[in-house]
Amino acid sequence: TDMQFTSVKGASPDNVRQVDVDLIGGSLPSGVQLTVSPSLNGTGTMGTGAPITFSASNGTGTLISGIQSAYTGDAPGDGVLLQYAQNLDAASSGMITLRYTISNS
């Protein structure tokens, strides 16, 4: 999955942004984990990506921090590549919904 965004750096304190991810629908059973890992691809100050591991006790995290003026592109295949990995069969987890939010840091 690709996530595309454009960020235009403003004046401090509005010059740095981040992308947060929240598990807003469904739940992960005890022992099941889902990891979302970003591969940053774009032009400008894309920031730093860090994997987030969701579990029954963790439903939120910061996926990318330190974004300033950046552009991922908007064509097919452009953007931040999001890789998803889980430790059990998807059928054991049911359906979940993730929300991605870009905001000032």
Protein backbone atom coordinates (compact mmCIF):
# COMPACT_ATOMS: atom_id res chain seq x y z
CA THR A 1 0.00 0.00 0.00
CA ASP A 2 1.23 3.52 -0.79
CA MET A 3 0.48 6.64 1.24
CA GLN A 4 0.88 9.95 -0.59
CA PHE A 5 1.18 13.42 0.93
CA THR A 6 2.38 16.97 0.35
CA SER A 7 3.73 19.08 3.20
CA VAL A 8 4.74 22.73 2.83
CA LYS A 9 6.94 23.95 5.67
CA GLY A 10 5.57 26.95 7.53
CA ALA A 11 7.18 29.15 10.15
CA SER A 12 8.04 27.77 13.57
CA PRO A 13 6.25 26.25 15.47
CA ASP A 14 4.28 24.95 12.46
CA ASN A 15 7.30 23.81 10.45
CA VAL A 16 7.46 20.13 11.42
CA ARG A 17 4.78 17.48 10.92
CA GLN A 18 4.25 13.83 11.73
CA VAL A 19 2.05 10.96 10.61
CA ASP A 20 0.26 9.08 13.40
CA VAL A 21 -1.61 5.80 13.03
CA ASP A 22 -4.52 4.72 15.22
CA LEU A 23 -6.37 1.43 15.31
CA ILE A 24 -9.95 2.75 15.26
CA GLY A 25 -12.01 -0.30 14.32
CA GLY A 26 -11.85 -3.89 15.45
CA SER A 27 -9.35 -5.29 17.91
CA LEU A 28 -6.42 -7.66 17.98
CA PRO A 29 -6.79 -10.75 20.14
CA SER A 30 -4.22 -11.34 22.87
CA GLY A 31 -1.00 -12.62 21.33
CA VAL A 32 -1.70 -11.22 17.85
CA GLN A 33 0.48 -8.39 16.56
CA LEU A 34 0.33 -6.28 13.39
CA THR A 35 3.39 -4.27 12.37
CA VAL A 36 3.23 -1.37 9.88
CA SER A 37 6.63 -0.38 8.44
CA PRO A 38 7.15 2.70 6.21
CA SER A 39 9.66 3.02 3.37
CA LEU A 40 10.00 6.74 2.69
CA ASN A 41 10.10 7.77 -0.97
CA GLY A 42 9.78 11.35 -2.15
CA THR A 43 11.41 14.74 -2.53
CA GLY A 44 12.31 17.14 0.26
CA THR A 45 12.62 16.60 3.99
CA MET A 46 10.60 13.38 4.31
CA GLY A 47 11.43 12.90 8.00
CA THR A 48 12.16 9.61 9.73
CA GLY A 49 10.00 6.52 9.51
CA ALA A 50 9.66 3.97 12.31
CA PRO A 51 7.68 0.72 12.41
CA ILE A 52 4.64 0.55 14.70
CA THR A 53 3.55 -2.73 16.25
CA PHE A 54 -0.14 -2.90 17.18
CA SER A 55 -1.34 -5.40 19.76
CA ALA A 56 -4.20 -5.91 22.20
CA SER A 57 -2.52 -3.34 24.49
CA ASN A 58 -1.20 -0.86 21.87
CA GLY A 59 -3.47 0.84 19.34
CA THR A 60 -1.55 3.98 18.36
CA GLY A 61 1.86 5.24 17.31
CA THR A 62 3.88 7.75 15.26
CA LEU A 63 4.83 6.29 11.87
CA ILE A 64 6.81 9.26 10.45
CA SER A 65 8.27 12.20 12.38
CA GLY A 66 10.25 15.27 11.34
CA ILE A 67 8.43 15.97 8.05
CA GLN A 68 9.10 19.45 6.67
CA SER A 69 8.64 20.52 3.03
CA ALA A 70 8.13 17.21 1.22
CA TYR A 71 6.25 15.70 -1.71
CA THR A 72 5.73 11.99 -2.29
CA GLY A 73 4.37 12.25 -5.83
CA ASP A 74 0.84 11.34 -6.88
CA ALA A 75 1.26 8.77 -9.64
CA PRO A 76 0.61 5.05 -9.17
CA GLY A 77 3.53 3.59 -7.25
CA ASP A 78 4.58 6.95 -5.76
CA GLY A 79 4.47 7.61 -2.05
CA VAL A 80 5.48 6.05 1.22
CA LEU A 81 5.36 2.27 0.85
CA LEU A 82 3.56 0.72 3.83
CA GLN A 83 4.36 -2.91 4.54
CA TYR A 84 2.13 -4.90 6.86
CA ALA A 85 3.27 -7.99 8.77
CA GLN A 86 1.41 -10.05 11.34
CA ASN A 87 2.40 -12.92 13.56
CA LEU A 88 -0.74 -15.03 12.94
CA ASP A 89 -3.13 -15.84 10.11
CA ALA A 90 -5.38 -12.91 9.21
CA ALA A 91 -8.46 -15.05 9.82
CA SER A 92 -7.57 -15.20 13.54
CA SER A 93 -7.61 -11.40 13.86
CA GLY A 94 -10.80 -10.42 12.08
CA MET A 95 -11.23 -7.03 10.38
CA ILE A 96 -9.45 -3.96 11.73
CA THR A 97 -9.41 -0.33 10.57
CA LEU A 98 -6.37 1.98 10.77
CA ARG A 99 -6.54 5.78 10.52
CA TYR A 100 -3.52 7.77 9.27
CA THR A 101 -3.31 11.43 10.35
CA ILE A 102 -0.75 14.06 9.35
CA SER A 103 -0.46 16.94 11.82
CA ASN A 104 1.98 19.45 13.26
CA SER A 105 4.38 17.91 15.74
